[in-house]
Amino acid sequence: MTPSRWAQAVAEHEDIITHLSARDGAKLAATLRAHLENKLRAVSQQFERSA
């Protein structure tokens, strides 16, 4: 994981906690979706590099 992706992931986790605390389901869902899409992209890129 690159330093920039790590920083982005940390920020996403902070946003997730914020939305959970605020009980904001819509923002939480959007943030989780974006986070998982970003994770999928990062994992796919790692597999492509190792192939």
C-alpha atoms as a PDB file:
ATOM      1  CA  MET A   1       0.000   0.000   0.000  1.00  0.00           C
ATOM      2  CA  THR A   2       1.337   3.383  -0.954  1.00  0.00           C
ATOM      3  CA  PRO A   3       1.637   6.146   1.640  1.00  0.00           C
ATOM      4  CA  SER A   4      -1.044   8.169  -0.160  1.00  0.00           C
ATOM      5  CA  ARG A   5      -3.465   5.219  -0.221  1.00  0.00           C
ATOM      6  CA  TRP A   6      -2.745   4.585   3.469  1.00  0.00           C
ATOM      7  CA  ALA A   7      -3.579   8.215   4.282  1.00  0.00           C
ATOM      8  CA  GLN A   8      -6.773   7.947   2.242  1.00  0.00           C
ATOM      9  CA  ALA A   9      -7.783   4.727   4.019  1.00  0.00           C
ATOM     10  CA  VAL A  10      -7.209   6.306   7.432  1.00  0.00           C
ATOM     11  CA  ALA A  11      -9.334   9.291   6.419  1.00  0.00           C
ATOM     12  CA  GLU A  12     -12.069   6.928   5.200  1.00  0.00           C
ATOM     13  CA  HIS A  13     -12.043   5.098   8.538  1.00  0.00           C
ATOM     14  CA  GLU A  14     -12.278   8.396  10.406  1.00  0.00           C
ATOM     15  CA  ASP A  15     -15.263   9.370   8.250  1.00  0.00           C
ATOM     16  CA  ILE A  16     -16.888   5.992   8.937  1.00  0.00           C
ATOM     17  CA  ILE A  17     -16.563   6.550  12.695  1.00  0.00           C
ATOM     18  CA  THR A  18     -17.919  10.086  12.355  1.00  0.00           C
ATOM     19  CA  HIS A  19     -20.974   8.909  10.413  1.00  0.00           C
ATOM     20  CA  LEU A  20     -21.568   6.040  12.842  1.00  0.00           C
ATOM     21  CA  SER A  21     -21.432   8.431  15.783  1.00  0.00           C
ATOM     22  CA  ALA A  22     -23.809  10.825  14.052  1.00  0.00           C
ATOM     23  CA  ARG A  23     -26.114   7.915  13.151  1.00  0.00           C
ATOM     24  CA  ASP A  24     -26.119   9.178   9.582  1.00  0.00           C
ATOM     25  CA  GLY A  25     -26.976   6.070   7.626  1.00  0.00           C
ATOM     26  CA  ALA A  26     -26.926   7.665   4.199  1.00  0.00           C
ATOM     27  CA  LYS A  27     -23.457   9.169   4.605  1.00  0.00           C
ATOM     28  CA  LEU A  28     -22.199   5.997   6.278  1.00  0.00           C
ATOM     29  CA  ALA A  29     -23.438   3.857   3.392  1.00  0.00           C
ATOM     30  CA  ALA A  30     -21.820   6.127   0.803  1.00  0.00           C
ATOM     31  CA  THR A  31     -18.526   6.214   2.704  1.00  0.00           C
ATOM     32  CA  LEU A  32     -18.456   2.451   3.209  1.00  0.00           C
ATOM     33  CA  ARG A  33     -19.235   1.866  -0.461  1.00  0.00           C
ATOM     34  CA  ALA A  34     -16.433   4.189  -1.557  1.00  0.00           C
ATOM     35  CA  HIS A  35     -14.028   2.631   0.939  1.00  0.00           C
ATOM     36  CA  LEU A  36     -14.753  -0.895  -0.275  1.00  0.00           C
ATOM     37  CA  GLU A  37     -14.462   0.143  -3.919  1.00  0.00           C
ATOM     38  CA  ASN A  38     -11.094   1.739  -3.159  1.00  0.00           C
ATOM     39  CA  LYS A  39      -9.963  -1.396  -1.338  1.00  0.00           C
ATOM     40  CA  LEU A  40     -11.033  -3.603  -4.236  1.00  0.00           C
ATOM     41  CA  ARG A  41      -9.078  -1.386  -6.624  1.00  0.00           C
ATOM     42  CA  ALA A  42      -5.961  -1.535  -4.407  1.00  0.00           C
ATOM     43  CA  VAL A  43      -6.130  -5.321  -4.070  1.00  0.00           C
ATOM     44  CA  SER A  44      -6.688  -5.769  -7.802  1.00  0.00           C
ATOM     45  CA  GLN A  45      -3.694  -3.573  -8.586  1.00  0.00           C
ATOM     46  CA  GLN A  46      -1.557  -5.597  -6.189  1.00  0.00           C
ATOM     47  CA  PHE A  47      -2.558  -8.853  -7.891  1.00  0.00           C
ATOM     48  CA  GLU A  48      -1.810  -7.355 -11.306  1.00  0.00           C
ATOM     49  CA  ARG A  49       1.678  -6.312 -10.160  1.00  0.00           C
ATOM     50  CA  SER A  50       2.462  -9.746  -8.736  1.00  0.00           C
ATOM     51  CA  ALA A  51       1.239 -11.669 -11.807  1.00  0.00           C
END
